C-alpha atoms as a PDB file:
ATOM      1  CA  MET A   1       0.000   0.000   0.000  1.00  0.00           C
ATOM      2  CA  ASN A   2       1.335   3.444  -0.945  1.00  0.00           C
ATOM      3  CA  THR A   3       0.282   6.735   0.570  1.00  0.00           C
ATOM      4  CA  SER A   4       1.120   9.923  -1.278  1.00  0.00           C
ATOM      5  CA  MET A   5       2.726  12.935   0.364  1.00  0.00           C
ATOM      6  CA  SER A   6      -0.458  14.913  -0.279  1.00  0.00           C
ATOM      7  CA  THR A   7      -2.359  12.738   2.214  1.00  0.00           C
ATOM      8  CA  ALA A   8       0.435  12.542   4.786  1.00  0.00           C
ATOM      9  CA  HIS A   9      -0.822  15.649   6.601  1.00  0.00           C
ATOM     10  CA  SER A  10      -4.032  13.902   7.718  1.00  0.00           C
ATOM     11  CA  PRO A  11      -4.234  11.485  10.679  1.00  0.00           C
ATOM     12  CA  TRP A  12      -4.330   7.882   9.502  1.00  0.00           C
ATOM     13  CA  SER A  13      -4.565   4.415  11.010  1.00  0.00           C
ATOM     14  CA  GLY A  14      -4.494   1.228   9.005  1.00  0.00           C
ATOM     15  CA  THR A  15      -2.278  -1.564   7.714  1.00  0.00           C
ATOM     16  CA  VAL A  16       0.777  -1.691   5.485  1.00  0.00           C
ATOM     17  CA  ALA A  17       1.215  -4.953   3.587  1.00  0.00           C
ATOM     18  CA  ILE A  18       4.671  -6.458   3.206  1.00  0.00           C
ATOM     19  CA  GLU A  19       5.642  -9.976   2.133  1.00  0.00           C
ATOM     20  CA  ASP A  20       3.371 -12.469   3.952  1.00  0.00           C
ATOM     21  CA  THR A  21       2.175 -10.081   6.664  1.00  0.00           C
ATOM     22  CA  ALA A  22       0.503  -6.733   7.311  1.00  0.00           C
ATOM     23  CA  LEU A  23       1.614  -4.179   9.875  1.00  0.00           C
ATOM     24  CA  ALA A  24      -0.730  -2.078  12.005  1.00  0.00           C
ATOM     25  CA  VAL A  25       0.370   1.552  11.582  1.00  0.00           C
ATOM     26  CA  THR A  26      -0.695   4.830  13.188  1.00  0.00           C
ATOM     27  CA  ASP A  27       0.257   8.193  11.681  1.00  0.00           C
ATOM     28  CA  THR A  28      -0.863  11.410  13.396  1.00  0.00           C
ATOM     29  CA  GLY A  29      -0.174  13.434  10.268  1.00  0.00           C
ATOM     30  CA  GLY A  30       0.737  17.079  10.405  1.00  0.00           C
ATOM     31  CA  THR A  31       3.565  19.143   8.958  1.00  0.00           C
ATOM     32  CA  GLY A  32       6.095  18.805  11.785  1.00  0.00           C
ATOM     33  CA  ARG A  33       9.301  16.791  11.777  1.00  0.00           C
ATOM     34  CA  PRO A  34       8.363  13.093  11.466  1.00  0.00           C
ATOM     35  CA  VAL A  35       9.275  10.868  14.389  1.00  0.00           C
ATOM     36  CA  VAL A  36       9.138   7.097  13.872  1.00  0.00           C
ATOM     37  CA  TYR A  37       8.832   4.893  16.969  1.00  0.00           C
ATOM     38  CA  LEU A  38      10.516   1.462  17.005  1.00  0.00           C
ATOM     39  CA  ASN A  39       9.387  -0.981  19.675  1.00  0.00           C
ATOM     40  CA  GLY A  40      11.150  -3.398  21.980  1.00  0.00           C
ATOM     41  CA  SER A  41      11.540  -7.026  20.889  1.00  0.00           C
ATOM     42  CA  TYR A  42       8.003  -8.197  21.698  1.00  0.00           C
ATOM     43  CA  ALA A  43       6.301  -4.874  22.495  1.00  0.00           C
ATOM     44  CA  ASP A  44       3.682  -2.925  20.581  1.00  0.00           C
ATOM     45  CA  GLN A  45       3.228   0.727  19.715  1.00  0.00           C
ATOM     46  CA  SER A  46       1.004   1.488  22.714  1.00  0.00           C
ATOM     47  CA  HIS A  47       4.058   1.953  24.946  1.00  0.00           C
ATOM     48  CA  TRP A  48       4.939   5.218  23.196  1.00  0.00           C
ATOM     49  CA  ARG A  49       1.734   7.117  24.004  1.00  0.00           C
ATOM     50  CA  ARG A  50       3.270   9.209  26.806  1.00  0.00           C
ATOM     51  CA  VAL A  51       6.248  10.235  24.690  1.00  0.00           C
ATOM     52  CA  ILE A  52       3.952  11.141  21.793  1.00  0.00           C
ATOM     53  CA  ALA A  53       1.705  13.200  24.065  1.00  0.00           C
ATOM     54  CA  GLU A  54       4.708  14.981  25.590  1.00  0.00           C
ATOM     55  CA  LEU A  55       6.119  15.937  22.187  1.00  0.00           C
ATOM     56  CA  GLY A  56       2.695  17.051  21.007  1.00  0.00           C
ATOM     57  CA  ASP A  57       1.513  18.550  17.739  1.00  0.00           C
ATOM     58  CA  GLY A  58       4.858  20.065  16.791  1.00  0.00           C
ATOM     59  CA  PHE A  59       5.908  16.668  15.437  1.00  0.00           C
ATOM     60  CA  ARG A  60       4.357  14.094  13.129  1.00  0.00           C
ATOM     61  CA  HIS A  61       4.254  10.735  14.948  1.00  0.00           C
ATOM     62  CA  ILE A  62       4.390   7.376  13.123  1.00  0.00           C
ATOM     63  CA  SER A  63       4.215   4.191  15.194  1.00  0.00           C
ATOM     64  CA  TYR A  64       3.559   0.595  14.204  1.00  0.00           C
ATOM     65  CA  ASP A  65       3.453  -2.985  15.445  1.00  0.00           C
ATOM     66  CA  GLU A  66       6.121  -5.341  14.171  1.00  0.00           C
ATOM     67  CA  ARG A  67       5.244  -8.775  12.779  1.00  0.00           C
ATOM     68  CA  ALA A  68       3.091 -10.795  15.224  1.00  0.00           C
ATOM     69  CA  ARG A  69       3.171  -7.963  17.762  1.00  0.00           C
ATOM     70  CA  GLY A  70       0.124  -5.931  18.738  1.00  0.00           C
ATOM     71  CA  ARG A  71      -2.397  -5.841  15.900  1.00  0.00           C
ATOM     72  CA  SER A  72      -0.008  -6.892  13.134  1.00  0.00           C
ATOM     73  CA  ARG A  73      -0.285 -10.267  11.458  1.00  0.00           C
ATOM     74  CA  THR A  74       1.990 -13.241  11.927  1.00  0.00           C
ATOM     75  CA  SER A  75       4.738 -14.113   9.442  1.00  0.00           C
ATOM     76  CA  SER A  76       7.156 -16.834   8.451  1.00  0.00           C
ATOM     77  CA  ASP A  77      10.118 -14.496   9.025  1.00  0.00           C
ATOM     78  CA  TYR A  78      10.839 -12.710  12.323  1.00  0.00           C
ATOM     79  CA  SER A  79      14.485 -11.922  11.651  1.00  0.00           C
ATOM     80  CA  PHE A  80      16.202  -8.599  12.293  1.00  0.00           C
ATOM     81  CA  GLU A  81      16.541  -8.094   8.531  1.00  0.00           C
ATOM     82  CA  ALA A  82      12.778  -8.591   8.164  1.00  0.00           C
ATOM     83  CA  CYS A  83      12.240  -5.860  10.748  1.00  0.00           C
ATOM     84  CA  LEU A  84      14.476  -3.509   8.750  1.00  0.00           C
ATOM     85  CA  ARG A  85      12.422  -4.269   5.650  1.00  0.00           C
ATOM     86  CA  ASP A  86       9.280  -3.488   7.641  1.00  0.00           C
ATOM     87  CA  LEU A  87      10.640  -0.069   8.556  1.00  0.00           C
ATOM     88  CA  ASP A  88      11.348   0.632   4.903  1.00  0.00           C
ATOM     89  CA  ALA A  89       7.815  -0.443   3.970  1.00  0.00           C
ATOM     90  CA  VAL A  90       6.229   1.849   6.570  1.00  0.00           C
ATOM     91  CA  LEU A  91       8.338   4.861   5.575  1.00  0.00           C
ATOM     92  CA  THR A  92       7.560   4.309   1.892  1.00  0.00           C
ATOM     93  CA  ALA A  93       3.848   3.695   2.395  1.00  0.00           C
ATOM     94  CA  ARG A  94       3.434   6.810   4.534  1.00  0.00           C
ATOM     95  CA  GLY A  95       5.682   9.028   2.424  1.00  0.00           C
ATOM     96  CA  VAL A  96       7.985   9.735   5.376  1.00  0.00           C
ATOM     97  CA  GLU A  97      11.212  11.591   4.569  1.00  0.00           C
ATOM     98  CA  ARG A  98      14.164  12.192   6.909  1.00  0.00           C
ATOM     99  CA  PRO A  99      12.491  11.152  10.164  1.00  0.00           C
ATOM    100  CA  ILE A 100      13.970  11.037  13.608  1.00  0.00           C
ATOM    101  CA  LEU A 101      14.018   7.382  14.633  1.00  0.00           C
ATOM    102  CA  ILE A 102      13.467   6.656  18.312  1.00  0.00           C
ATOM    103  CA  GLY A 103      13.899   3.050  19.343  1.00  0.00           C
ATOM    104  CA  TRP A 104      13.601   1.283  22.655  1.00  0.00           C
ATOM    105  CA  SER A 105      15.779  -1.788  23.344  1.00  0.00           C
ATOM    106  CA  TYR A 106      15.523  -3.941  20.168  1.00  0.00           C
ATOM    107  CA  GLY A 107      14.118  -0.916  18.358  1.00  0.00           C
ATOM    108  CA  ALA A 108      17.252   1.080  19.189  1.00  0.00           C
ATOM    109  CA  ALA A 109      19.370  -1.447  17.283  1.00  0.00           C
ATOM    110  CA  LEU A 110      16.979  -1.184  14.339  1.00  0.00           C
ATOM    111  CA  ALA A 111      17.341   2.605  14.390  1.00  0.00           C
ATOM    112  CA  ILE A 112      21.149   2.500  14.503  1.00  0.00           C
ATOM    113  CA  HIS A 113      21.360  -0.035  11.678  1.00  0.00           C
ATOM    114  CA  TRP A 114      18.894   1.934   9.579  1.00  0.00           C
ATOM    115  CA  ALA A 115      20.808   5.180  10.098  1.00  0.00           C
ATOM    116  CA  ALA A 116      24.075   3.477   9.121  1.00  0.00           C
ATOM    117  CA  ARG A 117      22.594   2.057   5.927  1.00  0.00           C
ATOM    118  CA  HIS A 118      20.570   5.117   4.906  1.00  0.00           C
ATOM    119  CA  PRO A 119      22.378   8.280   6.048  1.00  0.00           C
ATOM    120  CA  ASP A 120      20.526  10.398   3.497  1.00  0.00           C
ATOM    121  CA  ARG A 121      17.099   9.194   4.670  1.00  0.00           C
ATOM    122  CA  VAL A 122      17.237   9.864   8.407  1.00  0.00           C
ATOM    123  CA  ALA A 123      17.572  13.094  10.427  1.00  0.00           C
ATOM    124  CA  GLY A 124      18.789  11.459  13.629  1.00  0.00           C
ATOM    125  CA  VAL A 125      18.347   8.705  16.192  1.00  0.00           C
ATOM    126  CA  VAL A 126      17.303   8.473  19.832  1.00  0.00           C
ATOM    127  CA  SER A 127      18.383   5.199  21.423  1.00  0.00           C
ATOM    128  CA  VAL A 128      16.388   4.265  24.522  1.00  0.00           C
ATOM    129  CA  ASP A 129      18.465   1.861  26.623  1.00  0.00           C
ATOM    130  CA  GLY A 130      19.385  -0.199  23.600  1.00  0.00           C
ATOM    131  CA  ALA A 131      22.013  -0.626  20.859  1.00  0.00           C
ATOM    132  CA  LEU A 132      24.640  -1.194  23.565  1.00  0.00           C
ATOM    133  CA  PRO A 133      27.690  -3.316  22.693  1.00  0.00           C
ATOM    134  CA  HIS A 134      28.214  -6.419  24.781  1.00  0.00           C
ATOM    135  CA  GLU A 135      29.782  -9.832  24.539  1.00  0.00           C
ATOM    136  CA  TRP A 136      28.170 -11.954  27.231  1.00  0.00           C
ATOM    137  CA  LEU A 137      26.404 -14.358  24.865  1.00  0.00           C
ATOM    138  CA  THR A 138      27.839 -17.876  24.921  1.00  0.00           C
ATOM    139  CA  GLU A 139      26.511 -21.298  23.992  1.00  0.00           C
ATOM    140  CA  GLU A 140      25.622 -21.730  27.657  1.00  0.00           C
ATOM    141  CA  THR A 141      23.665 -18.455  27.812  1.00  0.00           C
ATOM    142  CA  LYS A 142      21.827 -19.406  24.603  1.00  0.00           C
ATOM    143  CA  VAL A 143      20.619 -22.543  26.376  1.00  0.00           C
ATOM    144  CA  GLN A 144      19.570 -20.422  29.355  1.00  0.00           C
ATOM    145  CA  ILE A 145      17.649 -18.018  27.097  1.00  0.00           C
ATOM    146  CA  ARG A 146      15.756 -20.855  25.421  1.00  0.00           C
ATOM    147  CA  ARG A 147      14.992 -22.380  28.811  1.00  0.00           C
ATOM    148  CA  LEU A 148      13.784 -19.022  30.167  1.00  0.00           C
ATOM    149  CA  PHE A 149      11.295 -18.499  27.343  1.00  0.00           C
ATOM    150  CA  ARG A 150       9.966 -22.051  27.677  1.00  0.00           C
ATOM    151  CA  ARG A 151       9.402 -21.342  31.364  1.00  0.00           C
ATOM    152  CA  LEU A 152       7.711 -18.002  30.601  1.00  0.00           C
ATOM    153  CA  SER A 153       5.483 -19.303  27.815  1.00  0.00           C
ATOM    154  CA  PRO A 154       2.410 -19.887  30.056  1.00  0.00           C
ATOM    155  CA  LEU A 155       2.465 -16.125  30.731  1.00  0.00           C
ATOM    156  CA  PHE A 156       2.445 -15.150  27.055  1.00  0.00           C
ATOM    157  CA  PRO A 157      -1.367 -14.783  26.738  1.00  0.00           C
ATOM    158  CA  VAL A 158      -1.421 -12.266  29.599  1.00  0.00           C
ATOM    159  CA  ALA A 159       1.739 -10.519  28.400  1.00  0.00           C
ATOM    160  CA  ARG A 160       0.257 -10.085  24.921  1.00  0.00           C
ATOM    161  CA  ARG A 161      -2.685  -8.180  26.362  1.00  0.00           C
ATOM    162  CA  ILE A 162      -0.311  -5.591  27.836  1.00  0.00           C
ATOM    163  CA  GLY A 163       1.862  -5.417  24.742  1.00  0.00           C
ATOM    164  CA  MET A 164       4.851  -7.362  26.097  1.00  0.00           C
ATOM    165  CA  ALA A 165       4.734 -10.626  24.150  1.00  0.00           C
ATOM    166  CA  ALA A 166       4.218 -11.612  20.549  1.00  0.00           C
ATOM    167  CA  ARG A 167       1.997 -14.202  18.891  1.00  0.00           C
ATOM    168  CA  MET A 168       4.978 -16.499  18.578  1.00  0.00           C
ATOM    169  CA  SER A 169       6.181 -19.729  20.105  1.00  0.00           C
ATOM    170  CA  ALA A 170       8.631 -19.791  22.998  1.00  0.00           C
ATOM    171  CA  ALA A 171      11.323 -20.926  20.556  1.00  0.00           C
ATOM    172  CA  GLN A 172      10.661 -17.978  18.249  1.00  0.00           C
ATOM    173  CA  HIS A 173      10.806 -15.521  21.158  1.00  0.00           C
ATOM    174  CA  ALA A 174      14.126 -17.026  22.203  1.00  0.00           C
ATOM    175  CA  GLU A 175      15.707 -16.939  18.747  1.00  0.00           C
ATOM    176  CA  ILE A 176      14.876 -13.241  18.345  1.00  0.00           C
ATOM    177  CA  ASN A 177      16.596 -12.580  21.651  1.00  0.00           C
ATOM    178  CA  ILE A 178      19.642 -14.610  20.682  1.00  0.00           C
ATOM    179  CA  GLU A 179      19.939 -12.978  17.264  1.00  0.00           C
ATOM    180  CA  ILE A 180      19.877  -9.410  18.614  1.00  0.00           C
ATOM    181  CA  ASN A 181      22.493 -10.254  21.237  1.00  0.00           C
ATOM    182  CA  GLU A 182      24.733 -11.670  18.508  1.00  0.00           C
ATOM    183  CA  LEU A 183      24.282  -8.463  16.498  1.00  0.00           C
ATOM    184  CA  LEU A 184      25.339  -6.391  19.519  1.00  0.00           C
ATOM    185  CA  ALA A 185      28.711  -8.073  19.921  1.00  0.00           C
ATOM    186  CA  PRO A 186      31.375  -5.353  19.483  1.00  0.00           C
ATOM    187  CA  ALA A 187      32.768  -6.977  16.334  1.00  0.00           C
ATOM    188  CA  ALA A 188      29.300  -6.756  14.769  1.00  0.00           C
ATOM    189  CA  ILE A 189      27.996  -3.401  16.055  1.00  0.00           C
ATOM    190  CA  ASP A 190      31.184  -1.264  16.099  1.00  0.00           C
ATOM    191  CA  PRO A 191      31.396  -1.013  12.284  1.00  0.00           C
ATOM    192  CA  VAL A 192      27.727   0.028  12.288  1.00  0.00           C
ATOM    193  CA  PHE A 193      28.399   2.857  14.746  1.00  0.00           C
ATOM    194  CA  ASP A 194      31.301   4.004  12.578  1.00  0.00           C
ATOM    195  CA  ARG A 195      28.999   4.387   9.559  1.00  0.00           C
ATOM    196  CA  VAL A 196      26.407   6.500  11.390  1.00  0.00           C
ATOM    197  CA  SER A 197      26.833  10.163  10.451  1.00  0.00           C
ATOM    198  CA  THR A 198      23.596  11.615  11.818  1.00  0.00           C
ATOM    199  CA  PRO A 199      23.153  12.861  15.414  1.00  0.00           C
ATOM    200  CA  VAL A 200      22.447  10.072  17.914  1.00  0.00           C
ATOM    201  CA  ARG A 201      21.338  10.616  21.498  1.00  0.00           C
ATOM    202  CA  TYR A 202      21.164   7.881  24.130  1.00  0.00           C
ATOM    203  CA  VAL A 203      18.801   7.848  27.076  1.00  0.00           C
ATOM    204  CA  LEU A 204      20.035   5.189  29.481  1.00  0.00           C
ATOM    205  CA  ALA A 205      18.057   3.466  32.229  1.00  0.00           C
ATOM    206  CA  THR A 206      19.356   2.346  35.608  1.00  0.00           C
ATOM    207  CA  GLY A 207      19.385  -1.057  37.262  1.00  0.00           C
ATOM    208  CA  GLY A 208      18.313  -4.445  36.003  1.00  0.00           C
ATOM    209  CA  ASN A 209      15.624  -6.059  33.922  1.00  0.00           C
ATOM    210  CA  LEU A 210      13.947  -9.432  33.457  1.00  0.00           C
ATOM    211  CA  GLY A 211      16.785 -11.807  32.581  1.00  0.00           C
ATOM    212  CA  GLY A 212      19.479  -9.246  33.403  1.00  0.00           C
ATOM    213  CA  GLU A 213      20.579  -8.392  36.928  1.00  0.00           C
ATOM    214  CA  ALA A 214      21.507  -4.796  37.778  1.00  0.00           C
ATOM    215  CA  GLY A 215      25.289  -5.227  37.750  1.00  0.00           C
ATOM    216  CA  LEU A 216      25.277  -6.878  34.322  1.00  0.00           C
ATOM    217  CA  MET A 217      22.949  -4.256  32.842  1.00  0.00           C
ATOM    218  CA  GLU A 218      25.053  -1.393  34.166  1.00  0.00           C
ATOM    219  CA  SER A 219      28.245  -2.936  32.778  1.00  0.00           C
ATOM    220  CA  ILE A 220      26.558  -3.264  29.379  1.00  0.00           C
ATOM    221  CA  ARG A 221      25.523   0.411  29.481  1.00  0.00           C
ATOM    222  CA  ALA A 222      29.126   1.384  30.264  1.00  0.00           C
ATOM    223  CA  ASN A 223      30.204  -0.308  27.016  1.00  0.00           C
ATOM    224  CA  ILE A 224      28.895   2.669  25.036  1.00  0.00           C
ATOM    225  CA  GLU A 225      31.672   4.890  26.432  1.00  0.00           C
ATOM    226  CA  PRO A 226      34.377   3.914  23.883  1.00  0.00           C
ATOM    227  CA  VAL A 227      31.860   4.607  21.112  1.00  0.00           C
ATOM    228  CA  LEU A 228      31.152   8.068  22.529  1.00  0.00           C
ATOM    229  CA  ALA A 229      34.870   8.778  22.712  1.00  0.00           C
ATOM    230  CA  ARG A 230      35.465   8.158  19.008  1.00  0.00           C
ATOM    231  CA  ARG A 231      32.120   9.275  17.524  1.00  0.00           C
ATOM    232  CA  PRO A 232      31.325  12.917  18.448  1.00  0.00           C
ATOM    233  CA  ASN A 233      27.886  12.713  16.798  1.00  0.00           C
ATOM    234  CA  ILE A 234      26.857  10.063  19.364  1.00  0.00           C
ATOM    235  CA  ARG A 235      26.170  11.340  22.884  1.00  0.00           C
ATOM    236  CA  VAL A 236      24.278  10.463  26.050  1.00  0.00           C
ATOM    237  CA  SER A 237      21.363  12.835  26.544  1.00  0.00           C
ATOM    238  CA  ALA A 238      20.305  11.525  29.980  1.00  0.00           C
ATOM    239  CA  LYS A 239      20.733   8.734  32.517  1.00  0.00           C
ATOM    240  CA  VAL A 240      17.366   8.274  34.188  1.00  0.00           C
ATOM    241  CA  PRO A 241      16.324   6.516  37.409  1.00  0.00           C
ATOM    242  CA  SER A 242      13.814   4.050  35.959  1.00  0.00           C
ATOM    243  CA  ASN A 243      14.827   0.581  34.818  1.00  0.00           C
ATOM    244  CA  HIS A 244      14.818  -0.879  31.309  1.00  0.00           C
ATOM    245  CA  SER A 245      11.203  -2.052  31.314  1.00  0.00           C
ATOM    246  CA  LYS A 246       9.739   1.103  32.882  1.00  0.00           C
ATOM    247  CA  ILE A 247      11.675   3.799  31.062  1.00  0.00           C
ATOM    248  CA  LEU A 248       8.963   4.633  28.502  1.00  0.00           C
ATOM    249  CA  ARG A 249       6.355   4.959  31.220  1.00  0.00           C
ATOM    250  CA  LYS A 250       8.308   6.778  33.916  1.00  0.00           C
ATOM    251  CA  ASP A 251      10.867   8.851  32.009  1.00  0.00           C
ATOM    252  CA  PHE A 252       8.924   9.864  28.912  1.00  0.00           C
ATOM    253  CA  ARG A 253       9.864  13.515  29.438  1.00  0.00           C
ATOM    254  CA  ALA A 254      13.570  12.695  29.125  1.00  0.00           C
ATOM    255  CA  LEU A 255      12.861  10.768  25.922  1.00  0.00           C
ATOM    256  CA  ALA A 256      10.882  13.657  24.472  1.00  0.00           C
ATOM    257  CA  GLU A 257      13.689  16.040  25.374  1.00  0.00           C
ATOM    258  CA  ALA A 258      16.199  13.815  23.551  1.00  0.00           C
ATOM    259  CA  VAL A 259      14.013  13.950  20.422  1.00  0.00           C
ATOM    260  CA  ARG A 260      13.921  17.747  20.666  1.00  0.00           C
ATOM    261  CA  GLU A 261      17.696  17.760  21.102  1.00  0.00           C
ATOM    262  CA  VAL A 262      18.201  15.738  17.919  1.00  0.00           C
ATOM    263  CA  ALA A 263      15.723  17.928  16.026  1.00  0.00           C
ATOM    264  CA  ALA A 264      17.655  21.032  17.088  1.00  0.00           C
ATOM    265  CA  VAL A 265      21.028  19.629  15.984  1.00  0.00           C
ATOM    266  CA  ARG A 266      20.066  19.418  12.372  1.00  0.00           C
ATOM    267  CA  GLU A 267      17.183  21.466  11.060  1.00  0.00           C
ATOM    268  CA  LEU A 268      16.460  19.879   7.665  1.00  0.00           C
ATOM    269  CA  PRO A 269      13.815  20.883   5.092  1.00  0.00           C
ATOM    270  CA  LEU A 270      10.763  18.655   5.253  1.00  0.00           C
ATOM    271  CA  GLY A 271      10.538  18.227   1.481  1.00  0.00           C
END
């Protein structure tokens, strides 16, 4: 489905078809700088409502549910590359040019990869406690991840209702988690950082998360420091008191401020 630029100013909610699936998309319309919201691994677009409200009508807000998340349909492909193709499909269908990408957790990695591959198509990135280099994944931790999701699977129906699980099997949940951790190994992510030329602002959480105790999470966050030292376009906007899972709900003002900061760095024509 294609949407022309002439209709992009009007609010719109619907689906964008891609491959064997269809993505639920919401576009507030308007003439402000477009901001595209990229969700956590199994989350849906509802988690961004406070950030969107805080930024208000001065921006155009585009959010969507990834494959099998929220109101989007299931698929035969849940890979990271499929998620990048989904972003391309949404931007094309909605006629979005040079957006600010804001991604939480998994979505932050999507935003960084997209910015590295398409420097002429993005105005900047806000990374919300994600896209952090680390190298803790081993064959043993892969087994632990698969075991964890099997143990959590009875909770999936409830978690889906609050936008924190996908319509996938435990094995599929686990493989998404394993893949993103492999992509965040320094050898994999450092060349991506070095190709990003647009402004990037990090908002970092504090403490632990499900499957990650506080000390481990804080050591992972510290791994961004060498990147900051060599890439002046990448900075930390804020370190906030909420943890990884609560950051969108409790520190939405800091996230909105980071978006404004990126928008102020590079004022680009809206086309």
